[in-house]
Amino acid sequence: MSKAVLLNEKFENNGELALPSSYDSINSHNLYLYVKSYLSALRANTASVKNRSEVRGGGKKPKAQKGSGGARWGSKRSPLFVGGGQVFGPTKRNYNQKVNKKQKALALSYALNAQANNGSLFVVDSLNVESGKTKDAVAILKNLNKRDILVIVDSIDENTYLAFRNVKNCYMIEKQEVNAYLISAYHSVLIEKSVLDALTKEA
């Protein structure tokens, strides 16, 4: 059974919080499929070329059918000519890959479990920086001693946002923005207990 690290008000180690035992039996392939779908959806989908039916010109036959001793040219729009159409070039397509709702939930649960197994899932009752100062936010993260961190809160107030917005290697999101890709993309996660309870209940 995986366990998250509980933090007190001073963001110091204050025990452990066990995650549901069912998380240990989740297949990692669920996370793979979700991340693959998530990254595919981010693709710009703007690459496009013109085929021979779309390029301009080519109305007149370039030369006579017979007599030249060479190939028979029917149109300048042929891919054989400079300025002609492109063969098998990229065209606009739909890169979206469907992932079932239950599979998304499994992927999220697996990502949380993986962070807990690595000792990188930190849980705190409340995360508010009333001063709004960046140095106070840096002091909080310094206690965790991690390379980068994803901060998840129930709702972001203005002062807390001001404190964290310029912190290097840190990204803060609200509960509704949580997904398996973000959790797995960071080396550690700092999450409010109410948000974790809601996520484990939904799963």
N, C-alpha and C. Protein backbone atom coordinates (compact mmCIF):
# COMPACT_ATOMS: atom_id res chain seq x y z
N MET A 1 0.84 -1.20 0.00
CA MET A 1 0.00 0.00 0.00
C MET A 1 0.88 1.25 0.00
N SER A 2 0.62 2.13 -0.94
CA SER A 2 1.41 3.36 -1.06
C SER A 2 0.96 4.39 -0.03
N LYS A 3 1.92 5.20 0.40
CA LYS A 3 1.60 6.20 1.41
C LYS A 3 2.16 7.56 1.02
N ALA A 4 1.31 8.58 1.16
CA ALA A 4 1.74 9.95 0.90
C ALA A 4 2.34 10.53 2.18
N VAL A 5 3.15 11.56 2.01
CA VAL A 5 3.80 12.21 3.16
C VAL A 5 2.91 13.33 3.66
N LEU A 6 2.51 13.25 4.93
CA LEU A 6 1.70 14.30 5.55
C LEU A 6 2.60 15.41 6.08
N LEU A 7 2.18 16.66 5.83
CA LEU A 7 2.94 17.81 6.30
C LEU A 7 2.12 18.60 7.30
N ASN A 8 2.79 19.21 8.28
CA ASN A 8 2.09 20.05 9.23
C ASN A 8 2.02 21.49 8.72
N GLU A 9 1.60 22.41 9.55
CA GLU A 9 1.45 23.81 9.14
C GLU A 9 2.77 24.46 8.75
N LYS A 10 3.88 23.92 9.29
CA LYS A 10 5.21 24.46 8.95
C LYS A 10 5.83 23.71 7.78
N PHE A 11 5.02 22.84 7.15
CA PHE A 11 5.45 22.05 5.99
C PHE A 11 6.63 21.13 6.32
N GLU A 12 6.51 20.54 7.53
CA GLU A 12 7.47 19.54 7.97
C GLU A 12 6.79 18.19 8.04
N ASN A 13 7.56 17.11 7.93
CA ASN A 13 7.01 15.76 7.94
C ASN A 13 6.22 15.50 9.23
N ASN A 14 4.97 15.05 9.03
CA ASN A 14 4.10 14.85 10.18
C ASN A 14 3.37 13.51 10.09
N GLY A 15 4.00 12.52 9.46
CA GLY A 15 3.37 11.21 9.36
C GLY A 15 3.08 10.82 7.92
N GLU A 16 2.21 9.83 7.78
CA GLU A 16 1.89 9.30 6.46
C GLU A 16 0.39 9.16 6.29
N LEU A 17 -0.03 9.18 5.03
CA LEU A 17 -1.44 9.00 4.68
C LEU A 17 -1.53 7.91 3.61
N ALA A 18 -2.22 6.83 3.94
CA ALA A 18 -2.29 5.69 3.03
C ALA A 18 -3.28 5.96 1.89
N LEU A 19 -2.87 5.58 0.69
CA LEU A 19 -3.76 5.64 -0.47
C LEU A 19 -4.54 4.33 -0.55
N PRO A 20 -5.66 4.30 -1.27
CA PRO A 20 -6.43 3.05 -1.40
C PRO A 20 -5.56 1.90 -1.91
N SER A 21 -5.73 0.73 -1.32
CA SER A 21 -4.91 -0.44 -1.69
C SER A 21 -5.16 -0.87 -3.13
N SER A 22 -6.31 -0.52 -3.68
CA SER A 22 -6.63 -0.91 -5.06
C SER A 22 -5.72 -0.24 -6.07
N TYR A 23 -5.07 0.85 -5.68
CA TYR A 23 -4.19 1.58 -6.59
C TYR A 23 -2.98 0.73 -7.00
N ASP A 24 -2.58 -0.20 -6.12
CA ASP A 24 -1.39 -1.01 -6.40
C ASP A 24 -1.59 -1.98 -7.56
N SER A 25 -2.85 -2.31 -7.85
CA SER A 25 -3.12 -3.30 -8.89
C SER A 25 -3.44 -2.67 -10.25
N ILE A 26 -3.35 -1.35 -10.35
CA ILE A 26 -3.67 -0.67 -11.62
C ILE A 26 -2.52 -0.86 -12.60
N ASN A 27 -2.86 -1.18 -13.84
CA ASN A 27 -1.86 -1.39 -14.88
C ASN A 27 -1.34 -0.05 -15.40
N SER A 28 -0.03 0.01 -15.58
CA SER A 28 0.60 1.26 -16.03
C SER A 28 0.19 1.63 -17.45
N HIS A 29 -0.34 0.68 -18.20
CA HIS A 29 -0.74 0.95 -19.59
C HIS A 29 -1.85 1.99 -19.65
N ASN A 30 -2.65 2.09 -18.59
CA ASN A 30 -3.70 3.11 -18.55
C ASN A 30 -3.11 4.51 -18.60
N LEU A 31 -2.01 4.71 -17.88
CA LEU A 31 -1.35 6.02 -17.89
C LEU A 31 -0.73 6.28 -19.26
N TYR A 32 -0.13 5.26 -19.84
CA TYR A 32 0.48 5.40 -21.17
C TYR A 32 -0.55 5.86 -22.19
N LEU A 33 -1.72 5.23 -22.20
CA LEU A 33 -2.75 5.57 -23.17
C LEU A 33 -3.27 6.99 -22.95
N TYR A 34 -3.40 7.39 -21.68
CA TYR A 34 -3.90 8.75 -21.40
C TYR A 34 -2.89 9.80 -21.83
N VAL A 35 -1.62 9.60 -21.49
CA VAL A 35 -0.58 10.57 -21.86
C VAL A 35 -0.46 10.67 -23.38
N LYS A 36 -0.55 9.54 -24.06
CA LYS A 36 -0.50 9.52 -25.51
C LYS A 36 -1.65 10.33 -26.10
N SER A 37 -2.85 10.15 -25.54
CA SER A 37 -4.02 10.89 -25.99
C SER A 37 -3.89 12.38 -25.69
N TYR A 38 -3.38 12.72 -24.50
CA TYR A 38 -3.24 14.11 -24.06
C TYR A 38 -2.27 14.87 -24.98
N LEU A 39 -1.13 14.25 -25.27
CA LEU A 39 -0.13 14.90 -26.11
C LEU A 39 -0.59 15.00 -27.57
N SER A 40 -1.34 14.02 -28.01
CA SER A 40 -1.87 14.05 -29.39
C SER A 40 -2.85 15.21 -29.55
N ALA A 41 -3.64 15.46 -28.51
CA ALA A 41 -4.63 16.54 -28.57
C ALA A 41 -3.97 17.92 -28.61
N LEU A 42 -2.72 18.00 -28.18
CA LEU A 42 -2.00 19.28 -28.17
C LEU A 42 -1.41 19.63 -29.53
N ARG A 43 -1.39 18.69 -30.45
CA ARG A 43 -0.78 18.94 -31.76
C ARG A 43 -1.54 20.03 -32.50
N ALA A 44 -0.81 20.89 -33.18
CA ALA A 44 -1.40 22.06 -33.83
C ALA A 44 -2.31 21.70 -34.99
N ASN A 45 -2.00 20.61 -35.68
CA ASN A 45 -2.83 20.16 -36.79
C ASN A 45 -2.92 21.21 -37.89
N THR A 46 -1.81 21.86 -38.22
CA THR A 46 -1.80 22.89 -39.25
C THR A 46 -0.95 22.52 -40.47
N ALA A 47 -0.20 21.41 -40.39
CA ALA A 47 0.65 21.01 -41.51
C ALA A 47 -0.23 20.61 -42.69
N SER A 48 0.03 21.23 -43.85
CA SER A 48 -0.79 20.93 -45.02
C SER A 48 -0.04 21.28 -46.29
N VAL A 49 -0.19 20.48 -47.33
CA VAL A 49 0.37 20.77 -48.65
C VAL A 49 -0.73 20.65 -49.69
N LYS A 50 -0.44 21.16 -50.90
CA LYS A 50 -1.41 21.08 -51.99
C LYS A 50 -1.05 19.91 -52.92
N ASN A 51 -2.07 19.15 -53.26
CA ASN A 51 -1.83 18.09 -54.23
C ASN A 51 -2.02 18.65 -55.65
N ARG A 52 -1.92 17.85 -56.67
CA ARG A 52 -1.93 18.36 -58.03
C ARG A 52 -3.27 18.97 -58.45
N SER A 53 -4.33 18.63 -57.72
CA SER A 53 -5.63 19.21 -58.04
C SER A 53 -5.82 20.58 -57.40
N GLU A 54 -4.93 20.96 -56.47
CA GLU A 54 -5.09 22.21 -55.74
C GLU A 54 -4.09 23.30 -56.15
N VAL A 55 -2.98 22.93 -56.75
CA VAL A 55 -2.00 23.96 -57.12
C VAL A 55 -2.52 24.78 -58.30
N ARG A 56 -1.97 25.99 -58.42
CA ARG A 56 -2.45 26.90 -59.45
C ARG A 56 -1.76 26.62 -60.79
N GLY A 57 -2.49 26.88 -61.89
CA GLY A 57 -1.92 26.77 -63.23
C GLY A 57 -2.11 25.39 -63.83
N GLY A 58 -1.38 25.15 -64.94
CA GLY A 58 -1.41 23.84 -65.57
C GLY A 58 -2.58 23.59 -66.50
N GLY A 59 -3.22 24.66 -66.93
CA GLY A 59 -4.38 24.46 -67.79
C GLY A 59 -4.01 24.01 -69.19
N LYS A 60 -2.87 24.48 -69.66
CA LYS A 60 -2.46 24.17 -71.03
C LYS A 60 -1.45 23.02 -71.03
N LYS A 61 -1.58 22.15 -72.04
CA LYS A 61 -0.62 21.06 -72.19
C LYS A 61 0.75 21.65 -72.51
N PRO A 62 1.80 21.32 -71.70
CA PRO A 62 3.11 21.98 -71.85
C PRO A 62 3.73 21.84 -73.23
N LYS A 63 3.55 20.71 -73.86
CA LYS A 63 4.14 20.52 -75.20
C LYS A 63 3.33 19.47 -75.95
N ALA A 64 3.65 19.29 -77.17
CA ALA A 64 2.88 18.36 -78.02
C ALA A 64 2.98 16.93 -77.49
N GLN A 65 1.93 16.18 -77.74
CA GLN A 65 1.89 14.79 -77.32
C GLN A 65 3.00 13.96 -77.98
N LYS A 66 3.23 14.23 -79.26
CA LYS A 66 4.23 13.45 -80.00
C LYS A 66 5.28 14.38 -80.62
N GLY A 67 6.39 13.78 -81.01
CA GLY A 67 7.36 14.51 -81.80
C GLY A 67 8.61 14.95 -81.07
N SER A 68 8.55 15.08 -79.75
CA SER A 68 9.72 15.59 -79.03
C SER A 68 10.73 14.48 -78.74
N GLY A 69 10.27 13.27 -78.76
CA GLY A 69 11.15 12.16 -78.43
C GLY A 69 11.28 11.93 -76.93
N GLY A 70 10.56 12.74 -76.15
CA GLY A 70 10.60 12.60 -74.69
C GLY A 70 9.28 12.12 -74.12
N ALA A 71 9.16 12.30 -72.81
CA ALA A 71 7.94 11.87 -72.13
C ALA A 71 6.75 12.72 -72.56
N ARG A 72 5.57 12.19 -72.32
CA ARG A 72 4.33 12.90 -72.68
C ARG A 72 3.87 13.71 -71.45
N TRP A 73 3.93 15.01 -71.55
CA TRP A 73 3.56 15.87 -70.43
C TRP A 73 2.12 16.34 -70.59
N GLY A 74 1.34 16.07 -69.58
CA GLY A 74 -0.06 16.49 -69.67
C GLY A 74 -0.34 17.77 -68.91
N SER A 75 0.42 18.05 -67.83
CA SER A 75 0.13 19.23 -67.02
C SER A 75 1.36 19.62 -66.20
N LYS A 76 1.54 20.93 -66.03
CA LYS A 76 2.63 21.45 -65.19
C LYS A 76 2.34 21.23 -63.71
N ARG A 77 1.12 20.82 -63.38
CA ARG A 77 0.76 20.60 -61.99
C ARG A 77 1.20 19.21 -61.50
N SER A 78 1.81 18.44 -62.38
CA SER A 78 2.29 17.12 -62.02
C SER A 78 3.37 17.22 -60.92
N PRO A 79 3.43 16.27 -60.01
CA PRO A 79 4.47 16.28 -58.97
C PRO A 79 5.89 16.22 -59.53
N LEU A 80 6.03 15.89 -60.80
CA LEU A 80 7.35 15.79 -61.41
C LEU A 80 7.98 17.16 -61.66
N PHE A 81 7.15 18.22 -61.69
CA PHE A 81 7.65 19.55 -62.01
C PHE A 81 7.77 20.42 -60.77
N VAL A 82 8.72 21.37 -60.81
CA VAL A 82 8.85 22.37 -59.75
C VAL A 82 7.57 23.20 -59.73
N GLY A 83 6.99 23.36 -58.56
CA GLY A 83 5.74 24.10 -58.47
C GLY A 83 4.52 23.23 -58.65
N GLY A 84 4.74 21.94 -58.89
CA GLY A 84 3.63 21.02 -59.05
C GLY A 84 3.08 20.56 -57.70
N GLY A 85 2.09 19.69 -57.76
CA GLY A 85 1.49 19.19 -56.52
C GLY A 85 2.42 18.27 -55.75
N GLN A 86 2.15 18.13 -54.46
CA GLN A 86 2.95 17.28 -53.59
C GLN A 86 2.29 15.91 -53.46
N VAL A 87 3.09 14.86 -53.53
CA VAL A 87 2.56 13.51 -53.40
C VAL A 87 2.67 13.03 -51.95
N PHE A 88 1.58 12.55 -51.40
CA PHE A 88 1.54 11.97 -50.06
C PHE A 88 2.07 12.93 -48.98
N GLY A 89 1.85 14.23 -49.18
CA GLY A 89 2.28 15.21 -48.19
C GLY A 89 1.32 15.28 -47.02
N PRO A 90 1.68 16.00 -45.96
CA PRO A 90 0.79 16.11 -44.80
C PRO A 90 -0.45 16.93 -45.12
N THR A 91 -1.56 16.51 -44.62
CA THR A 91 -2.82 17.25 -44.75
C THR A 91 -3.47 17.31 -43.38
N LYS A 92 -4.43 18.18 -43.22
CA LYS A 92 -5.09 18.32 -41.93
C LYS A 92 -5.79 17.01 -41.56
N ARG A 93 -5.56 16.61 -40.34
CA ARG A 93 -6.17 15.37 -39.87
C ARG A 93 -6.50 15.50 -38.39
N ASN A 94 -7.33 14.62 -37.91
CA ASN A 94 -7.74 14.65 -36.52
C ASN A 94 -6.80 13.74 -35.71
N TYR A 95 -6.03 14.34 -34.80
CA TYR A 95 -5.07 13.57 -34.02
C TYR A 95 -5.66 13.05 -32.69
N ASN A 96 -6.90 13.41 -32.40
CA ASN A 96 -7.50 13.01 -31.13
C ASN A 96 -7.59 11.49 -31.00
N GLN A 97 -7.26 11.01 -29.81
CA GLN A 97 -7.35 9.58 -29.53
C GLN A 97 -8.28 9.38 -28.33
N LYS A 98 -9.28 8.58 -28.51
CA LYS A 98 -10.31 8.41 -27.50
C LYS A 98 -9.79 7.59 -26.31
N VAL A 99 -10.07 8.09 -25.12
CA VAL A 99 -9.77 7.36 -23.90
C VAL A 99 -11.04 7.33 -23.05
N ASN A 100 -11.43 6.16 -22.62
CA ASN A 100 -12.67 6.03 -21.85
C ASN A 100 -12.57 6.75 -20.50
N LYS A 101 -13.72 7.14 -19.98
CA LYS A 101 -13.78 7.87 -18.72
C LYS A 101 -13.17 7.05 -17.58
N LYS A 102 -13.47 5.76 -17.54
CA LYS A 102 -12.92 4.91 -16.48
C LYS A 102 -11.41 4.78 -16.61
N GLN A 103 -10.94 4.76 -17.85
CA GLN A 103 -9.50 4.64 -18.09
C GLN A 103 -8.76 5.91 -17.65
N LYS A 104 -9.40 7.07 -17.85
CA LYS A 104 -8.83 8.33 -17.38
C LYS A 104 -8.68 8.31 -15.86
N ALA A 105 -9.72 7.79 -15.18
CA ALA A 105 -9.68 7.72 -13.72
C ALA A 105 -8.58 6.77 -13.25
N LEU A 106 -8.41 5.65 -13.95
CA LEU A 106 -7.36 4.70 -13.60
C LEU A 106 -5.98 5.31 -13.80
N ALA A 107 -5.83 6.08 -14.89
CA ALA A 107 -4.55 6.73 -15.17
C ALA A 107 -4.20 7.72 -14.08
N LEU A 108 -5.19 8.49 -13.62
CA LEU A 108 -4.96 9.47 -12.55
C LEU A 108 -4.57 8.77 -11.25
N SER A 109 -5.28 7.69 -10.94
CA SER A 109 -4.99 6.94 -9.72
C SER A 109 -3.58 6.35 -9.77
N TYR A 110 -3.20 5.83 -10.93
CA TYR A 110 -1.87 5.25 -11.08
C TYR A 110 -0.79 6.32 -10.91
N ALA A 111 -1.02 7.51 -11.49
CA ALA A 111 -0.04 8.59 -11.39
C ALA A 111 0.14 9.03 -9.94
N LEU A 112 -0.94 9.14 -9.19
CA LEU A 112 -0.85 9.50 -7.77
C LEU A 112 -0.10 8.42 -7.00
N ASN A 113 -0.40 7.16 -7.31
CA ASN A 113 0.24 6.04 -6.62
C ASN A 113 1.74 6.00 -6.90
N ALA A 114 2.11 6.31 -8.14
CA ALA A 114 3.52 6.32 -8.52
C ALA A 114 4.28 7.40 -7.76
N GLN A 115 3.66 8.57 -7.62
CA GLN A 115 4.31 9.65 -6.86
C GLN A 115 4.47 9.25 -5.40
N ALA A 116 3.45 8.59 -4.86
CA ALA A 116 3.52 8.16 -3.46
C ALA A 116 4.62 7.11 -3.27
N ASN A 117 4.74 6.19 -4.23
CA ASN A 117 5.78 5.16 -4.15
C ASN A 117 7.18 5.76 -4.15
N ASN A 118 7.31 6.88 -4.84
CA ASN A 118 8.61 7.57 -4.92
C ASN A 118 8.86 8.50 -3.74
N GLY A 119 7.90 8.57 -2.81
CA GLY A 119 8.03 9.49 -1.67
C GLY A 119 7.92 10.94 -2.08
N SER A 120 7.19 11.19 -3.18
CA SER A 120 7.12 12.54 -3.74
C SER A 120 5.71 13.12 -3.74
N LEU A 121 4.80 12.48 -3.01
CA LEU A 121 3.43 13.00 -2.89
C LEU A 121 3.27 13.58 -1.49
N PHE A 122 3.18 14.91 -1.42
CA PHE A 122 3.09 15.60 -0.14
C PHE A 122 1.68 16.15 0.06
N VAL A 123 1.12 15.93 1.25
CA VAL A 123 -0.25 16.35 1.54
C VAL A 123 -0.23 17.35 2.69
N VAL A 124 -0.94 18.46 2.49
CA VAL A 124 -1.04 19.49 3.53
C VAL A 124 -2.50 19.90 3.66
N ASP A 125 -2.90 20.27 4.88
CA ASP A 125 -4.31 20.63 5.11
C ASP A 125 -4.72 21.84 4.29
N SER A 126 -3.88 22.87 4.30
CA SER A 126 -4.21 24.09 3.57
C SER A 126 -2.93 24.77 3.09
N LEU A 127 -3.01 25.34 1.91
CA LEU A 127 -1.84 26.02 1.35
C LEU A 127 -2.23 27.43 0.96
N ASN A 128 -1.96 28.36 1.84
CA ASN A 128 -2.25 29.77 1.59
C ASN A 128 -1.04 30.61 1.99
N VAL A 129 -0.64 31.50 1.11
CA VAL A 129 0.45 32.44 1.43
C VAL A 129 -0.17 33.83 1.52
N GLU A 130 -0.57 34.19 2.71
CA GLU A 130 -1.30 35.44 2.91
C GLU A 130 -0.47 36.67 2.59
N SER A 131 0.85 36.56 2.74
CA SER A 131 1.71 37.72 2.48
C SER A 131 1.79 38.03 0.99
N GLY A 132 1.61 37.02 0.16
CA GLY A 132 1.72 37.22 -1.29
C GLY A 132 3.15 37.39 -1.76
N LYS A 133 4.13 37.04 -0.90
CA LYS A 133 5.53 37.23 -1.23
C LYS A 133 6.16 35.94 -1.77
N THR A 134 6.94 36.11 -2.80
CA THR A 134 7.57 34.96 -3.44
C THR A 134 8.53 34.25 -2.50
N LYS A 135 9.21 35.00 -1.66
CA LYS A 135 10.19 34.39 -0.76
C LYS A 135 9.51 33.42 0.22
N ASP A 136 8.26 33.71 0.58
CA ASP A 136 7.53 32.80 1.47
C ASP A 136 7.16 31.50 0.75
N ALA A 137 6.81 31.62 -0.53
CA ALA A 137 6.51 30.43 -1.33
C ALA A 137 7.76 29.59 -1.53
N VAL A 138 8.89 30.24 -1.78
CA VAL A 138 10.16 29.53 -1.96
C VAL A 138 10.56 28.80 -0.68
N ALA A 139 10.29 29.41 0.46
CA ALA A 139 10.62 28.79 1.74
C ALA A 139 9.83 27.51 1.95
N ILE A 140 8.57 27.52 1.51
CA ILE A 140 7.72 26.32 1.63
C ILE A 140 8.30 25.18 0.80
N LEU A 141 8.63 25.49 -0.45
CA LEU A 141 9.12 24.46 -1.37
C LEU A 141 10.52 23.99 -1.01
N LYS A 142 11.28 24.87 -0.36
CA LYS A 142 12.64 24.50 0.02
C LYS A 142 12.64 23.37 1.04
N ASN A 143 11.61 23.32 1.87
CA ASN A 143 11.51 22.25 2.86
C ASN A 143 11.35 20.88 2.20
N LEU A 144 10.73 20.87 1.03
CA LEU A 144 10.47 19.60 0.35
C LEU A 144 11.71 19.07 -0.36
N ASN A 145 12.62 19.97 -0.73
CA ASN A 145 13.90 19.59 -1.34
C ASN A 145 13.71 18.73 -2.59
N LYS A 146 12.88 19.21 -3.50
CA LYS A 146 12.63 18.51 -4.75
C LYS A 146 12.99 19.39 -5.94
N ARG A 147 13.33 18.75 -7.07
CA ARG A 147 13.79 19.48 -8.25
C ARG A 147 12.70 20.38 -8.83
N ASP A 148 11.51 19.82 -9.01
CA ASP A 148 10.36 20.61 -9.47
C ASP A 148 9.11 20.06 -8.81
N ILE A 149 8.06 20.86 -8.81
CA ILE A 149 6.88 20.46 -8.03
C ILE A 149 5.60 21.00 -8.65
N LEU A 150 4.57 20.17 -8.59
CA LEU A 150 3.23 20.56 -9.01
C LEU A 150 2.42 20.82 -7.75
N VAL A 151 1.86 22.02 -7.64
CA VAL A 151 1.07 22.40 -6.47
C VAL A 151 -0.41 22.38 -6.84
N ILE A 152 -1.19 21.61 -6.08
CA ILE A 152 -2.62 21.46 -6.37
C ILE A 152 -3.42 21.94 -5.17
N VAL A 153 -4.26 22.95 -5.40
CA VAL A 153 -5.10 23.50 -4.34
C VAL A 153 -6.56 23.48 -4.78
N ASP A 154 -7.44 23.61 -3.80
CA ASP A 154 -8.87 23.60 -4.11
C ASP A 154 -9.26 24.83 -4.92
N SER A 155 -8.76 25.99 -4.50
CA SER A 155 -8.97 27.22 -5.27
C SER A 155 -7.81 28.17 -4.98
N ILE A 156 -7.39 28.90 -5.98
CA ILE A 156 -6.23 29.79 -5.85
C ILE A 156 -6.70 31.20 -5.52
N ASP A 157 -6.29 31.69 -4.34
CA ASP A 157 -6.61 33.07 -4.00
C ASP A 157 -5.52 33.99 -4.57
N GLU A 158 -5.80 35.28 -4.60
CA GLU A 158 -4.91 36.24 -5.27
C GLU A 158 -3.52 36.28 -4.65
N ASN A 159 -3.44 36.32 -3.31
CA ASN A 159 -2.13 36.42 -2.66
C ASN A 159 -1.28 35.18 -2.90
N THR A 160 -1.91 34.01 -2.84
CA THR A 160 -1.17 32.76 -3.08
C THR A 160 -0.69 32.70 -4.52
N TYR A 161 -1.51 33.18 -5.43
CA TYR A 161 -1.11 33.22 -6.84
C TYR A 161 0.10 34.13 -7.04
N LEU A 162 0.07 35.30 -6.41
CA LEU A 162 1.19 36.24 -6.52
C LEU A 162 2.47 35.65 -5.95
N ALA A 163 2.34 34.86 -4.89
CA ALA A 163 3.52 34.28 -4.24
C ALA A 163 4.16 33.20 -5.10
N PHE A 164 3.35 32.41 -5.79
CA PHE A 164 3.89 31.26 -6.52
C PHE A 164 4.14 31.51 -8.00
N ARG A 165 3.62 32.60 -8.56
CA ARG A 165 3.65 32.74 -10.02
C ARG A 165 5.05 32.85 -10.61
N ASN A 166 6.01 33.38 -9.84
CA ASN A 166 7.36 33.55 -10.37
C ASN A 166 8.36 32.54 -9.83
N VAL A 167 7.86 31.53 -9.12
CA VAL A 167 8.77 30.52 -8.56
C VAL A 167 9.22 29.57 -9.66
N LYS A 168 10.52 29.40 -9.77
CA LYS A 168 11.07 28.53 -10.81
C LYS A 168 10.75 27.06 -10.52
N ASN A 169 10.49 26.30 -11.59
CA ASN A 169 10.23 24.85 -11.48
C ASN A 169 9.04 24.53 -10.59
N CYS A 170 8.02 25.38 -10.66
CA CYS A 170 6.82 25.17 -9.87
C CYS A 170 5.60 25.58 -10.68
N TYR A 171 4.54 24.78 -10.60
CA TYR A 171 3.33 25.09 -11.34
C TYR A 171 2.13 24.84 -10.43
N MET A 172 1.27 25.83 -10.30
CA MET A 172 0.11 25.71 -9.42
C MET A 172 -1.18 25.59 -10.22
N ILE A 173 -2.01 24.63 -9.85
CA ILE A 173 -3.30 24.44 -10.52
C ILE A 173 -4.39 24.24 -9.47
N GLU A 174 -5.64 24.38 -9.92
CA GLU A 174 -6.78 24.10 -9.06
C GLU A 174 -7.27 22.68 -9.29
N LYS A 175 -8.18 22.24 -8.45
CA LYS A 175 -8.65 20.85 -8.47
C LYS A 175 -9.19 20.44 -9.83
N GLN A 176 -9.96 21.30 -10.49
CA GLN A 176 -10.58 20.93 -11.76
C GLN A 176 -9.60 20.80 -12.92
N GLU A 177 -8.36 21.28 -12.71
CA GLU A 177 -7.35 21.19 -13.76
C GLU A 177 -6.48 19.94 -13.64
N VAL A 178 -6.68 19.16 -12.60
CA VAL A 178 -5.83 18.00 -12.35
C VAL A 178 -6.01 16.95 -13.44
N ASN A 179 -4.90 16.42 -13.93
CA ASN A 179 -4.97 15.28 -14.84
C ASN A 179 -3.72 14.43 -14.66
N ALA A 180 -3.78 13.22 -15.18
CA ALA A 180 -2.70 12.24 -14.98
C ALA A 180 -1.39 12.70 -15.61
N TYR A 181 -1.48 13.41 -16.73
CA TYR A 181 -0.25 13.85 -17.41
C TYR A 181 0.53 14.82 -16.53
N LEU A 182 -0.14 15.83 -15.97
CA LEU A 182 0.55 16.83 -15.15
C LEU A 182 1.17 16.19 -13.91
N ILE A 183 0.43 15.28 -13.29
CA ILE A 183 0.94 14.64 -12.08
C ILE A 183 2.19 13.81 -12.39
N SER A 184 2.19 13.13 -13.52
CA SER A 184 3.34 12.29 -13.87
C SER A 184 4.49 13.09 -14.48
N ALA A 185 4.22 14.31 -14.94
CA ALA A 185 5.26 15.12 -15.60
C ALA A 185 6.20 15.78 -14.59
N TYR A 186 5.75 15.93 -13.35
CA TYR A 186 6.57 16.58 -12.33
C TYR A 186 7.20 15.55 -11.40
N HIS A 187 8.34 15.91 -10.82
CA HIS A 187 9.04 14.99 -9.93
C HIS A 187 8.37 14.87 -8.56
N SER A 188 7.54 15.84 -8.21
CA SER A 188 6.86 15.78 -6.92
C SER A 188 5.55 16.57 -6.99
N VAL A 189 4.66 16.25 -6.06
CA VAL A 189 3.34 16.88 -6.03
C VAL A 189 3.03 17.31 -4.60
N LEU A 190 2.61 18.56 -4.46
CA LEU A 190 2.14 19.08 -3.17
C LEU A 190 0.65 19.35 -3.32
N ILE A 191 -0.17 18.65 -2.55
CA ILE A 191 -1.62 18.70 -2.76
C ILE A 191 -2.34 18.92 -1.44
N GLU A 192 -3.42 19.70 -1.48
CA GLU A 192 -4.24 19.90 -0.28
C GLU A 192 -5.02 18.62 0.01
N LYS A 193 -5.20 18.33 1.28
CA LYS A 193 -5.85 17.08 1.69
C LYS A 193 -7.27 16.97 1.15
N SER A 194 -8.00 18.08 1.13
CA SER A 194 -9.38 18.05 0.65
C SER A 194 -9.44 17.66 -0.83
N VAL A 195 -8.44 18.11 -1.59
CA VAL A 195 -8.39 17.78 -3.02
C VAL A 195 -8.06 16.31 -3.21
N LEU A 196 -7.09 15.80 -2.44
CA LEU A 196 -6.72 14.38 -2.53
C LEU A 196 -7.88 13.48 -2.14
N ASP A 197 -8.59 13.87 -1.07
CA ASP A 197 -9.76 13.09 -0.65
C ASP A 197 -10.81 13.02 -1.75
N ALA A 198 -11.01 14.15 -2.43
CA ALA A 198 -12.00 14.20 -3.50
C ALA A 198 -11.56 13.33 -4.69
N LEU A 199 -10.27 13.36 -5.00
CA LEU A 199 -9.76 12.57 -6.13
C LEU A 199 -9.84 11.07 -5.85
N THR A 200 -9.50 10.67 -4.65
CA THR A 200 -9.55 9.24 -4.31
C THR A 200 -10.99 8.75 -4.21
N LYS A 201 -11.88 9.64 -3.82
CA LYS A 201 -13.31 9.27 -3.72
C LYS A 201 -13.91 9.09 -5.12
N GLU A 202 -13.53 9.99 -6.03
CA GLU A 202 -14.04 9.91 -7.40
C GLU A 202 -13.54 8.65 -8.11
N ALA A 203 -12.32 8.27 -7.78
CA ALA A 203 -11.75 7.08 -8.41
C ALA A 203 -12.44 5.80 -7.92
